[in-house]
Amino acid sequence: MQPLPKTSDIPAGWEQSPIRGDEIELRHQNGDIAVKAVRATSADEWELEMEDSIGNRYTTIRPVGQADTKTQAVSALVALAEAVSDLRNERDDMLPHDIVREVKRGQRVPV
């Protein structure tokens, strides 16, 4: 069985999107931000990304980190969603590029 986030591990306010190929996504319930793990190579390496949207008009994908296995990617994805929630709770006006910078600087995601 392929590792996926357990429902009990997904932070409050987030939900798992339907699986699309080699991509696992957690989307915030307000719909403006998502975190993804996307399989990058056939060697099971994964890219972590944060996607933010302004309405249905603009979407930006920001790289956040990498994981060597799907299991690590799932763990890091949950940690990333938690970090995004924590940062947004600290400052609700925090912009997505600030969130990525803080996640990378604070080593909040184990990758």
Protein backbone atom coordinates (compact mmCIF):
# COMPACT_ATOMS: atom_id res chain seq x y z
CA MET A 1 0.00 0.00 0.00
CA GLN A 2 1.31 3.44 -0.92
CA PRO A 3 1.82 5.85 1.99
CA LEU A 4 -0.72 8.65 2.17
CA PRO A 5 -1.43 11.12 4.95
CA LYS A 6 -3.71 9.62 7.57
CA THR A 7 -6.87 11.64 8.06
CA SER A 8 -5.95 12.02 11.74
CA ASP A 9 -2.55 13.51 10.78
CA ILE A 10 -3.93 16.20 8.46
CA PRO A 11 -4.00 19.56 10.29
CA ALA A 12 -7.33 21.21 11.08
CA GLY A 13 -8.57 23.32 8.19
CA TRP A 14 -6.86 21.15 5.55
CA GLU A 15 -8.16 18.31 3.40
CA GLN A 16 -6.56 15.87 1.02
CA SER A 17 -7.33 16.49 -2.63
CA PRO A 18 -8.04 13.57 -4.94
CA ILE A 19 -4.86 11.78 -6.04
CA ARG A 20 -3.63 12.86 -9.50
CA GLY A 21 -0.90 10.61 -10.85
CA ASP A 22 2.28 11.08 -8.83
CA GLU A 23 1.02 14.04 -6.83
CA ILE A 24 -0.27 14.22 -3.26
CA GLU A 25 -1.98 17.45 -2.29
CA LEU A 26 -3.36 18.96 0.88
CA ARG A 27 -5.57 22.00 0.26
CA HIS A 28 -6.64 24.53 2.84
CA GLN A 29 -10.41 24.62 3.17
CA ASN A 30 -10.58 28.29 2.21
CA GLY A 31 -9.20 27.20 -1.18
CA ASP A 32 -6.49 29.83 -1.57
CA ILE A 33 -3.46 27.72 -0.64
CA ALA A 34 -2.30 24.12 -1.09
CA VAL A 35 0.83 22.11 -0.38
CA LYS A 36 1.94 19.34 -2.71
CA ALA A 37 4.39 16.50 -2.98
CA VAL A 38 5.12 15.73 -6.63
CA ARG A 39 7.21 12.78 -7.76
CA ALA A 40 10.17 14.28 -9.58
CA THR A 41 12.06 11.22 -10.86
CA SER A 42 11.67 7.53 -11.40
CA ALA A 43 14.08 7.08 -8.46
CA ASP A 44 11.22 8.04 -6.08
CA GLU A 45 12.47 11.56 -5.35
CA TRP A 46 9.75 14.07 -4.48
CA GLU A 47 9.49 17.86 -4.75
CA LEU A 48 7.53 19.79 -2.12
CA GLU A 49 5.63 22.82 -3.34
CA MET A 50 3.25 25.42 -2.06
CA GLU A 51 0.58 26.68 -4.44
CA ASP A 52 -1.37 29.86 -3.84
CA SER A 53 -4.26 31.22 -5.86
CA ILE A 54 -5.95 34.56 -6.23
CA GLY A 55 -9.47 33.72 -7.24
CA ASN A 56 -9.49 31.55 -10.33
CA ARG A 57 -7.22 33.94 -12.19
CA TYR A 58 -3.68 33.53 -10.88
CA THR A 59 -1.85 30.56 -9.43
CA THR A 60 1.75 30.54 -8.25
CA ILE A 61 3.72 27.40 -7.42
CA ARG A 62 6.66 27.89 -5.08
CA PRO A 63 9.28 25.16 -4.44
CA VAL A 64 9.79 24.44 -0.74
CA GLY A 65 12.01 21.36 -0.52
CA GLN A 66 12.68 17.78 -1.54
CA ALA A 67 12.25 14.30 -0.12
CA ASP A 68 14.05 11.09 -1.02
CA THR A 69 11.05 8.75 -0.66
CA LYS A 70 7.28 8.92 -0.79
CA THR A 71 7.10 8.16 2.94
CA GLN A 72 9.37 11.13 3.70
CA ALA A 73 7.37 13.28 1.28
CA VAL A 74 4.09 12.48 3.04
CA SER A 75 5.59 13.26 6.44
CA ALA A 76 7.09 16.52 5.16
CA LEU A 77 3.81 17.44 3.45
CA VAL A 78 1.89 17.20 6.73
CA ALA A 79 4.62 19.22 8.49
CA LEU A 80 4.45 21.83 5.73
CA ALA A 81 0.68 22.19 6.10
CA GLU A 82 1.12 22.59 9.87
CA ALA A 83 3.85 25.22 9.35
CA VAL A 84 1.68 27.17 6.89
CA SER A 85 -1.22 27.12 9.36
CA ASP A 86 1.02 28.23 12.24
CA LEU A 87 2.49 31.10 10.22
CA ARG A 88 -0.92 32.25 8.98
CA ASN A 89 -2.26 32.15 12.54
CA GLU A 90 0.65 34.30 13.72
CA ARG A 91 -0.01 36.90 11.00
CA ASP A 92 -3.11 36.58 8.87
CA ASP A 93 -1.73 39.14 6.41
CA MET A 94 1.40 37.06 5.70
CA LEU A 95 2.00 36.73 1.96
CA PRO A 96 2.76 33.33 0.37
CA HIS A 97 6.39 34.19 -0.52
CA ASP A 98 6.92 35.20 3.14
CA ILE A 99 5.50 31.85 4.26
CA VAL A 100 7.93 29.94 2.00
CA ARG A 101 10.86 32.05 3.21
CA GLU A 102 9.94 31.45 6.87
CA VAL A 103 9.44 27.72 6.32
CA LYS A 104 12.86 27.42 4.69
CA ARG A 105 14.63 29.67 7.21
CA GLY A 106 13.04 28.05 10.26
CA GLN A 107 13.64 24.50 9.03
CA ARG A 108 10.00 23.80 9.86
CA VAL A 109 9.81 21.03 7.27
CA PRO A 110 12.01 17.94 7.72
CA VAL A 111 13.62 17.83 4.26
